[in-house]
Amino acid sequence: MTFPHLPPGVADLRERTRRFVREVVIDAEPAPGGRLDRATRDRLQAAAKEAGVFAPLVPTEFGGQGLSIEHWSPILQEAGYSPVGPVALNCMAPDEGNMHMLHQIATEEQKKRYLAPLAAGDVRSCFGMTEPHPGAGSDPAALRTTAVRGEGGWIIDGHKRFTSGAEGAAFCIVMARTPAVGGSPEGATMFLVDMTNPGLRGGEAIHTVDRAIDGGHPHLYIENCFVPDDAVLGEVGLGFRYAQVRLGPARLTHCMRWLGLARRAHDIALDRAGKRELFGGPIDSLGLAQHLIAESVIDMETSDAVITKTAALLHSDPKAGSAMSSVAKVHCSEAIFRVIDRAIQICGGDGVSDGLPLAQYLNEVRPFRIYDGSNETHRWAIARRASAGRSAAVRAGEPYRGDAVVGRDGGA
């Protein structure tokens, strides 16, 4: 992958990240299907700090590299070349998205208490949004967890599931429905809740095919959970608005990281196809294999382009960027899956064995078509925006072009 127009500092960070992941992280990867243990995680993060590549998205005041969003992709693709690279660099979900949101809307005291240790890699976090049916999932408006005013704070009750990263996390950002209070509207509110709060209890683990996200995806039970007023993140009633501050960039960083992993899978397939012989020549000389290779290059290049456009929009026009992130999420999650699937096909039987990591890569990226909003939900939103945009343009004077012309030579 080439990024010809990077500022010198970003280009240098990209090259150092590339070397670090390939020379340090890959050798420390767990076996396919395994999880990164805590001791290895701590060792890799210490090495990343020493190499000056730690926390690339975190502001410099909190010990990070302070990258602007339009320069995230080259770095995160290099980090994602290993499934545990983002963990080593402290730019993995859900912490990465939580750090971004905390920096945007937290108070100075909240930043000291929650963002600073998270940015340093001293703690992990989770985000409590998804609920059991019929609660919030792809439709956030179905939110059923509630928070009501109590003396000196709030009392939260609810049940969360698929709370990624919750096992071993220090705190959770809990989304709850709140009534109109004072001048604040009825809506949703975000609360910073320590995992040691007696009203917050970890529940059953949900065993999924992915392994890269530390802390699993368990249930959380929230019962008569009291938090003080200073636990409110942002303003009361504006939680859904703040969620977009987090979700748009978080969708895109998933695309960036997994595109890096797709490039790793493609390299494995190219190495294999160039060395193995079949029918009297190397596999990469066969038309069928060349078709698979070419299709994967096309999928990676188009993914890279839509990521770049979306990142630029999120920097210049966050509302348009958030809408475009739906397009990026759908396209990249499906294109990346195809790249890894083709790599498996090129590698034959070894591709589906644990002798190569490709089958586990497929397990890592498959949930992305569901996480951060199912692709079907995003397609629905994309279509609605397209229809509404065209209707608005016609109302504003654009010619209506949907009527067939009757009587034209050659038929209607």
Protein backbone atom coordinates (compact mmCIF):
# COMPACT_ATOMS: atom_id res chain seq x y z
CA MET A 1 0.00 0.00 0.00
CA THR A 2 1.25 3.46 -0.85
CA PHE A 3 0.32 6.83 0.64
CA PRO A 4 2.20 9.36 -1.50
CA HIS A 5 0.96 12.59 0.08
CA LEU A 6 1.49 12.05 3.80
CA PRO A 7 3.12 14.80 5.85
CA PRO A 8 6.70 13.80 6.76
CA GLY A 9 5.85 13.19 10.42
CA VAL A 10 2.94 10.91 9.57
CA ALA A 11 4.98 9.06 6.95
CA ASP A 12 7.69 8.46 9.54
CA LEU A 13 5.17 7.21 12.11
CA ARG A 14 3.69 4.90 9.50
CA GLU A 15 7.08 3.41 8.67
CA ARG A 16 7.95 2.93 12.34
CA THR A 17 4.56 1.34 13.00
CA ARG A 18 5.07 -0.97 10.02
CA ARG A 19 8.44 -2.14 11.34
CA PHE A 20 7.19 -2.54 14.89
CA VAL A 21 4.21 -4.68 13.91
CA ARG A 22 6.20 -6.88 11.54
CA GLU A 23 9.33 -7.21 13.65
CA VAL A 24 7.89 -7.29 17.19
CA VAL A 25 4.15 -7.93 17.26
CA ILE A 26 3.79 -10.77 14.75
CA ASP A 27 6.23 -12.98 16.67
CA ALA A 28 4.08 -12.53 19.79
CA GLU A 29 0.74 -13.44 18.19
CA PRO A 30 -1.28 -16.19 19.89
CA ALA A 31 -1.96 -19.36 17.93
CA PRO A 32 -5.02 -19.14 15.64
CA GLY A 33 -8.13 -19.21 17.81
CA GLY A 34 -6.23 -18.13 20.92
CA ARG A 35 -6.34 -14.89 22.87
CA LEU A 36 -3.52 -12.52 23.76
CA ASP A 37 -2.57 -13.02 27.41
CA ARG A 38 -2.20 -10.07 29.77
CA ALA A 39 1.55 -10.42 30.26
CA THR A 40 2.20 -10.36 26.51
CA ARG A 41 -0.18 -7.44 26.07
CA ASP A 42 1.65 -5.43 28.73
CA ARG A 43 5.03 -6.30 27.21
CA LEU A 44 3.94 -5.27 23.72
CA GLN A 45 2.44 -2.00 24.93
CA ALA A 46 5.62 -1.15 26.81
CA ALA A 47 7.62 -1.89 23.66
CA ALA A 48 5.25 0.27 21.60
CA LYS A 49 5.80 3.17 23.99
CA GLU A 50 9.56 2.69 23.72
CA ALA A 51 9.29 2.66 19.91
CA GLY A 52 7.20 5.86 19.91
CA VAL A 53 4.22 4.28 18.16
CA PHE A 54 1.84 3.90 21.13
CA ALA A 55 -1.68 5.41 21.11
CA PRO A 56 -1.51 6.97 17.62
CA LEU A 57 -4.99 8.53 17.81
CA VAL A 58 -4.71 9.90 21.36
CA PRO A 59 -3.90 13.62 21.82
CA THR A 60 -0.29 14.35 22.74
CA GLU A 61 -1.35 15.84 26.08
CA PHE A 62 -2.41 12.34 27.12
CA GLY A 63 0.72 10.63 25.83
CA GLY A 64 -0.42 9.76 22.32
CA GLN A 65 0.76 10.65 18.84
CA GLY A 66 -2.06 13.16 18.24
CA LEU A 67 -2.97 12.15 14.69
CA SER A 68 -5.72 14.05 12.92
CA ILE A 69 -8.50 11.81 11.64
CA GLU A 70 -7.58 12.20 7.96
CA HIS A 71 -4.23 10.53 8.77
CA TRP A 72 -5.56 7.64 10.85
CA SER A 73 -5.89 5.11 8.04
CA PRO A 74 -2.24 4.60 7.04
CA ILE A 75 -1.31 3.98 10.66
CA LEU A 76 -4.25 1.76 11.58
CA GLN A 77 -3.81 -0.34 8.44
CA GLU A 78 -0.24 -1.00 9.50
CA ALA A 79 -1.40 -1.79 13.04
CA GLY A 80 -4.10 -4.10 11.70
CA TYR A 81 -1.59 -6.18 9.71
CA SER A 82 -1.56 -8.25 12.90
CA PRO A 83 -4.87 -9.01 14.63
CA VAL A 84 -3.25 -8.00 17.94
CA GLY A 85 -1.38 -5.00 16.52
CA PRO A 86 -4.12 -2.55 17.52
CA VAL A 87 -4.05 -3.93 21.08
CA ALA A 88 -0.29 -3.45 21.25
CA LEU A 89 -0.66 0.14 20.01
CA ASN A 90 -3.73 0.90 22.16
CA CYS A 91 -5.98 1.71 19.21
CA MET A 92 -8.37 -1.25 19.46
CA ALA A 93 -12.13 -1.20 19.95
CA PRO A 94 -13.89 -0.38 22.20
CA ASP A 95 -11.17 1.65 23.95
CA GLU A 96 -10.23 3.61 20.83
CA GLY A 97 -13.81 4.86 20.31
CA ASN A 98 -14.26 5.60 23.99
CA MET A 99 -11.04 7.62 24.11
CA HIS A 100 -12.13 9.65 21.10
CA MET A 101 -15.49 10.44 22.68
CA LEU A 102 -14.05 11.22 26.12
CA HIS A 103 -11.64 13.69 24.57
CA GLN A 104 -14.49 15.37 22.71
CA ILE A 105 -17.11 15.71 25.47
CA ALA A 106 -15.75 14.78 28.93
CA THR A 107 -15.07 17.36 31.62
CA GLU A 108 -11.48 18.01 32.64
CA GLU A 109 -12.00 16.01 35.82
CA GLN A 110 -13.49 13.11 33.87
CA LYS A 111 -10.54 13.19 31.48
CA LYS A 112 -8.13 12.92 34.40
CA ARG A 113 -10.08 10.07 36.01
CA TYR A 114 -11.01 8.04 32.93
CA LEU A 115 -9.24 9.17 29.77
CA ALA A 116 -5.72 9.51 31.16
CA PRO A 117 -5.39 5.91 32.45
CA LEU A 118 -7.17 4.56 29.38
CA ALA A 119 -4.83 6.43 27.06
CA ALA A 120 -1.83 5.12 29.00
CA GLY A 121 -3.03 1.53 28.61
CA ASP A 122 -3.30 1.13 32.39
CA VAL A 123 -6.99 0.19 32.19
CA ARG A 124 -9.57 -0.97 29.64
CA SER A 125 -13.16 0.17 29.13
CA CYS A 126 -16.44 -0.90 27.57
CA PHE A 127 -19.55 0.71 26.08
CA GLY A 128 -22.99 -0.38 27.30
CA MET A 129 -25.48 0.15 24.49
CA THR A 130 -26.76 -3.18 23.11
CA GLU A 131 -29.58 -4.87 25.02
CA PRO A 132 -31.50 -8.15 24.83
CA HIS A 133 -34.53 -8.11 22.53
CA PRO A 134 -36.68 -6.04 22.42
CA GLY A 135 -34.11 -3.53 23.62
CA ALA A 136 -31.57 -1.46 21.74
CA GLY A 137 -29.53 -3.14 19.04
CA SER A 138 -29.48 -2.04 15.44
CA ASP A 139 -32.28 0.36 16.47
CA PRO A 140 -30.93 2.58 19.28
CA ALA A 141 -34.40 4.10 19.74
CA ALA A 142 -35.47 0.80 21.35
CA LEU A 143 -33.29 1.64 24.38
CA ARG A 144 -34.90 0.21 27.55
CA THR A 145 -32.26 0.86 30.23
CA THR A 146 -33.48 3.77 32.35
CA ALA A 147 -31.95 6.35 34.66
CA VAL A 148 -34.03 8.45 37.08
CA ARG A 149 -33.05 11.25 39.38
CA GLY A 150 -32.08 10.34 42.92
CA GLU A 151 -30.68 12.37 45.77
CA GLY A 152 -27.38 13.77 44.53
CA GLY A 153 -27.30 11.68 41.39
CA TRP A 154 -29.01 9.05 39.25
CA ILE A 155 -30.29 5.51 39.67
CA ILE A 156 -29.78 3.27 36.62
CA ASP A 157 -31.61 0.02 35.90
CA GLY A 158 -31.24 -2.17 32.83
CA HIS A 159 -29.69 -5.16 31.13
CA LYS A 160 -26.95 -4.94 28.52
CA ARG A 161 -25.53 -7.65 26.31
CA PHE A 162 -22.68 -7.81 23.80
CA THR A 163 -20.82 -5.33 25.99
CA SER A 164 -17.53 -5.69 24.16
CA GLY A 165 -14.48 -5.57 26.41
CA ALA A 166 -16.44 -5.72 29.68
CA GLU A 167 -14.51 -8.60 31.29
CA GLY A 168 -11.65 -6.93 33.14
CA ALA A 169 -12.67 -3.39 32.20
CA ALA A 170 -12.30 -0.57 34.74
CA PHE A 171 -15.39 1.35 33.68
CA CYS A 172 -18.36 1.29 31.34
CA ILE A 173 -20.01 4.12 29.43
CA VAL A 174 -23.67 3.22 29.96
CA MET A 175 -26.40 4.55 27.71
CA ALA A 176 -29.74 4.97 29.50
CA ARG A 177 -33.08 6.58 28.76
CA THR A 178 -33.75 9.64 30.92
CA PRO A 179 -36.86 11.79 31.44
CA ALA A 180 -36.98 15.53 30.87
CA VAL A 181 -35.23 17.14 33.85
CA GLY A 182 -35.07 20.90 34.30
CA GLY A 183 -34.05 22.33 30.94
CA SER A 184 -32.81 18.98 29.63
CA PRO A 185 -34.92 17.10 27.08
CA GLU A 186 -36.25 13.58 27.41
CA GLY A 187 -33.93 11.23 25.59
CA ALA A 188 -30.80 9.21 26.30
CA THR A 189 -27.90 10.05 28.56
CA MET A 190 -24.41 8.60 28.86
CA PHE A 191 -23.05 7.73 32.30
CA LEU A 192 -19.51 6.84 33.38
CA VAL A 193 -19.92 3.86 35.69
CA ASP A 194 -17.05 2.15 37.48
CA MET A 195 -17.18 -1.63 37.08
CA THR A 196 -16.71 -1.86 40.86
CA ASN A 197 -20.06 -0.12 41.42
CA PRO A 198 -22.21 -2.54 43.46
CA GLY A 199 -25.16 -1.88 41.15
CA LEU A 200 -23.26 -3.18 38.11
CA ARG A 201 -22.79 -6.92 37.77
CA GLY A 202 -21.08 -8.87 35.02
CA GLY A 203 -23.20 -11.67 33.59
CA GLU A 204 -22.95 -14.57 31.22
CA ALA A 205 -20.22 -14.60 28.59
CA ILE A 206 -21.25 -14.68 24.95
CA HIS A 207 -18.89 -16.97 23.06
CA THR A 208 -18.22 -15.55 19.61
CA VAL A 209 -15.91 -16.53 16.76
CA ASP A 210 -13.69 -13.43 17.08
CA ARG A 211 -10.78 -13.30 19.53
CA ALA A 212 -9.01 -9.97 18.98
CA ILE A 213 -11.18 -7.81 21.27
CA ASP A 214 -9.94 -8.25 24.82
CA GLY A 215 -12.64 -8.76 27.44
CA GLY A 216 -15.21 -10.67 25.40
CA HIS A 217 -18.82 -9.60 24.83
CA PRO A 218 -20.71 -10.46 28.04
CA HIS A 219 -24.05 -9.50 29.55
CA LEU A 220 -24.16 -6.72 32.15
CA TYR A 221 -26.87 -6.43 34.79
CA ILE A 222 -27.54 -2.92 36.12
CA GLU A 223 -29.77 -2.93 39.20
CA ASN A 224 -30.44 0.06 41.43
CA CYS A 225 -27.07 1.42 40.31
CA PHE A 226 -26.43 4.82 41.90
CA VAL A 227 -24.01 7.25 40.25
CA PRO A 228 -23.38 10.86 41.27
CA ASP A 229 -24.19 13.82 39.06
CA ASP A 230 -20.57 14.08 37.91
CA ALA A 231 -20.91 10.64 36.28
CA VAL A 232 -22.97 12.19 33.46
CA LEU A 233 -20.89 12.28 30.28
CA GLY A 234 -21.77 15.41 28.32
CA GLU A 235 -25.26 16.76 28.90
CA VAL A 236 -28.40 15.01 30.07
CA GLY A 237 -30.71 13.96 27.23
CA LEU A 238 -28.12 14.27 24.45
CA GLY A 239 -26.76 10.72 24.50
CA PHE A 240 -27.92 9.80 21.01
CA ARG A 241 -26.21 12.88 19.61
CA TYR A 242 -22.98 11.99 21.42
CA ALA A 243 -23.22 8.41 20.18
CA GLN A 244 -22.67 9.73 16.66
CA VAL A 245 -19.48 11.44 17.86
CA ARG A 246 -18.28 7.96 18.75
CA LEU A 247 -19.90 5.68 16.19
CA GLY A 248 -18.97 7.41 12.93
CA PRO A 249 -15.21 7.35 13.57
CA ALA A 250 -15.44 3.97 15.34
CA ARG A 251 -17.03 2.34 12.28
CA LEU A 252 -14.25 3.75 10.14
CA THR A 253 -11.41 2.63 12.40
CA HIS A 254 -12.80 -0.91 12.20
CA CYS A 255 -12.55 -0.59 8.41
CA MET A 256 -8.96 0.62 8.66
CA ARG A 257 -7.77 -2.11 11.03
CA TRP A 258 -9.47 -4.94 9.16
CA LEU A 259 -8.19 -3.67 5.82
CA GLY A 260 -4.70 -4.08 7.24
CA LEU A 261 -5.56 -7.68 8.11
CA ALA A 262 -6.94 -8.25 4.60
CA ARG A 263 -3.57 -7.08 3.22
CA ARG A 264 -1.84 -9.65 5.45
CA ALA A 265 -4.15 -12.40 4.13
CA HIS A 266 -3.51 -11.28 0.56
CA ASP A 267 0.26 -11.37 1.12
CA ILE A 268 -0.04 -14.93 2.44
CA ALA A 269 -2.00 -15.90 -0.69
CA LEU A 270 0.46 -14.20 -3.03
CA ASP A 271 3.42 -15.91 -1.39
CA ARG A 272 1.68 -19.24 -1.68
CA ALA A 273 0.56 -18.71 -5.28
CA GLY A 274 4.03 -17.64 -6.38
CA LYS A 275 5.79 -20.66 -4.92
CA ARG A 276 3.39 -23.60 -5.25
CA GLU A 277 3.15 -25.29 -8.63
CA LEU A 278 0.04 -26.75 -10.22
CA PHE A 279 -0.45 -28.13 -13.72
CA GLY A 280 3.14 -27.45 -14.68
CA GLY A 281 3.55 -23.89 -13.38
CA PRO A 282 3.11 -21.64 -10.35
CA ILE A 283 -0.45 -21.10 -9.17
CA ASP A 284 -0.28 -17.37 -9.92
CA SER A 285 0.20 -18.15 -13.62
CA LEU A 286 -3.26 -19.75 -13.81
CA GLY A 287 -6.14 -17.65 -15.03
CA LEU A 288 -8.50 -18.73 -12.25
CA ALA A 289 -5.99 -17.74 -9.56
CA GLN A 290 -5.22 -14.47 -11.35
CA HIS A 291 -8.94 -13.64 -11.30
CA LEU A 292 -9.07 -14.18 -7.51
CA ILE A 293 -5.95 -12.08 -6.99
CA ALA A 294 -7.20 -9.25 -9.19
CA GLU A 295 -10.62 -9.18 -7.49
CA SER A 296 -8.92 -8.90 -4.12
CA VAL A 297 -6.74 -6.01 -5.28
CA ILE A 298 -9.87 -4.24 -6.53
CA ASP A 299 -11.67 -4.82 -3.21
CA MET A 300 -8.72 -3.47 -1.22
CA GLU A 301 -8.21 -0.42 -3.41
CA THR A 302 -11.90 0.55 -3.38
CA SER A 303 -12.01 0.05 0.38
CA ASP A 304 -8.96 2.26 0.79
CA ALA A 305 -10.57 4.95 -1.36
CA VAL A 306 -13.89 5.02 0.50
CA ILE A 307 -12.04 5.07 3.85
CA THR A 308 -9.95 8.04 2.71
CA LYS A 309 -13.02 9.96 1.52
CA THR A 310 -14.93 9.24 4.72
CA ALA A 311 -12.04 10.30 6.94
CA ALA A 312 -11.72 13.58 5.04
CA LEU A 313 -15.45 14.21 5.48
CA LEU A 314 -15.36 13.40 9.19
CA HIS A 315 -12.60 16.00 9.49
CA SER A 316 -14.32 18.74 7.46
CA ASP A 317 -18.04 17.96 7.86
CA PRO A 318 -18.75 15.48 10.68
CA LYS A 319 -22.45 15.10 9.81
CA ALA A 320 -21.70 14.17 6.19
CA GLY A 321 -18.80 12.02 7.37
CA SER A 322 -21.04 10.09 9.76
CA ALA A 323 -23.46 9.37 6.92
CA MET A 324 -20.61 8.31 4.65
CA SER A 325 -19.28 6.02 7.37
CA SER A 326 -22.32 3.81 6.79
CA VAL A 327 -21.25 3.39 3.16
CA ALA A 328 -17.68 2.65 4.25
CA LYS A 329 -18.79 0.16 6.89
CA VAL A 330 -20.96 -1.84 4.51
CA HIS A 331 -18.51 -1.84 1.63
CA CYS A 332 -15.38 -2.56 3.64
CA SER A 333 -16.85 -5.24 5.89
CA GLU A 334 -17.98 -7.22 2.86
CA ALA A 335 -14.95 -6.51 0.65
CA ILE A 336 -12.49 -7.44 3.40
CA PHE A 337 -14.33 -10.70 4.03
CA ARG A 338 -14.09 -11.49 0.32
CA VAL A 339 -10.34 -10.81 0.25
CA ILE A 340 -9.67 -13.18 3.14
CA ASP A 341 -12.05 -15.79 1.73
CA ARG A 342 -10.21 -15.70 -1.61
CA ALA A 343 -6.88 -16.03 0.19
CA ILE A 344 -8.20 -19.21 1.82
CA GLN A 345 -9.30 -20.53 -1.56
CA ILE A 346 -5.88 -19.90 -3.09
CA CYS A 347 -4.21 -21.71 -0.19
CA GLY A 348 -6.49 -24.74 -0.52
CA GLY A 349 -6.74 -27.19 2.38
CA ASP A 350 -4.07 -25.40 4.41
CA GLY A 351 -6.22 -22.28 4.22
CA VAL A 352 -8.91 -23.84 6.39
CA SER A 353 -6.42 -25.43 8.81
CA ASP A 354 -4.73 -23.84 11.78
CA GLY A 355 -1.40 -24.21 9.99
CA LEU A 356 -2.17 -20.82 8.46
CA PRO A 357 -4.02 -18.03 10.31
CA LEU A 358 -6.49 -17.32 7.48
CA ALA A 359 -9.49 -19.17 8.91
CA GLN A 360 -9.15 -17.22 12.15
CA TYR A 361 -8.88 -13.99 10.17
CA LEU A 362 -12.21 -14.86 8.58
CA ASN A 363 -13.66 -15.39 12.06
CA GLU A 364 -12.33 -12.01 13.15
CA VAL A 365 -13.88 -10.02 10.30
CA ARG A 366 -17.19 -11.87 9.88
CA PRO A 367 -18.85 -10.24 12.93
CA PHE A 368 -18.08 -6.77 11.53
CA ARG A 369 -21.10 -7.11 9.24
CA ILE A 370 -23.16 -7.17 12.46
CA TYR A 371 -21.15 -5.08 14.95
CA ASP A 372 -21.64 -1.29 14.92
CA GLY A 373 -25.03 -1.74 13.27
CA SER A 374 -25.90 -4.56 10.90
CA ASN A 375 -25.17 -3.97 7.23
CA GLU A 376 -28.88 -4.31 6.50
CA THR A 377 -29.63 -1.44 8.89
CA HIS A 378 -26.95 0.70 7.27
CA ARG A 379 -28.30 -0.06 3.80
CA TRP A 380 -31.75 1.03 4.97
CA ALA A 381 -30.30 4.30 6.27
CA ILE A 382 -28.23 4.84 3.10
CA ALA A 383 -31.30 4.34 0.89
CA ARG A 384 -33.44 6.67 3.01
CA ARG A 385 -30.83 9.41 2.83
CA ALA A 386 -30.49 8.97 -0.93
CA SER A 387 -34.26 9.17 -1.47
CA ALA A 388 -34.67 12.14 0.86
CA GLY A 389 -31.75 13.97 -0.76
CA ARG A 390 -33.15 13.53 -4.24
CA SER A 391 -36.65 14.60 -3.17
CA ALA A 392 -35.22 17.73 -1.58
CA ALA A 393 -33.27 18.53 -4.76
CA VAL A 394 -36.41 18.22 -6.90
CA ARG A 395 -38.37 20.43 -4.52
CA ALA A 396 -35.56 22.99 -4.78
CA GLY A 397 -35.86 23.12 -8.56
CA GLU A 398 -33.95 20.18 -10.00
CA PRO A 399 -35.83 18.73 -12.98
CA TYR A 400 -37.87 15.63 -12.22
CA ARG A 401 -36.50 12.85 -14.42
CA GLY A 402 -38.67 9.88 -13.53
CA ASP A 403 -41.37 10.11 -16.23
CA ALA A 404 -41.10 8.12 -19.41
CA VAL A 405 -41.41 10.07 -22.66
CA VAL A 406 -44.37 8.83 -24.72
CA GLY A 407 -44.20 8.86 -28.53
CA ARG A 408 -40.43 9.10 -28.91
CA ASP A 409 -39.09 7.35 -32.02
CA GLY A 410 -38.17 3.77 -31.19
CA GLY A 411 -40.82 3.38 -28.48
CA ALA A 412 -41.34 4.69 -25.00
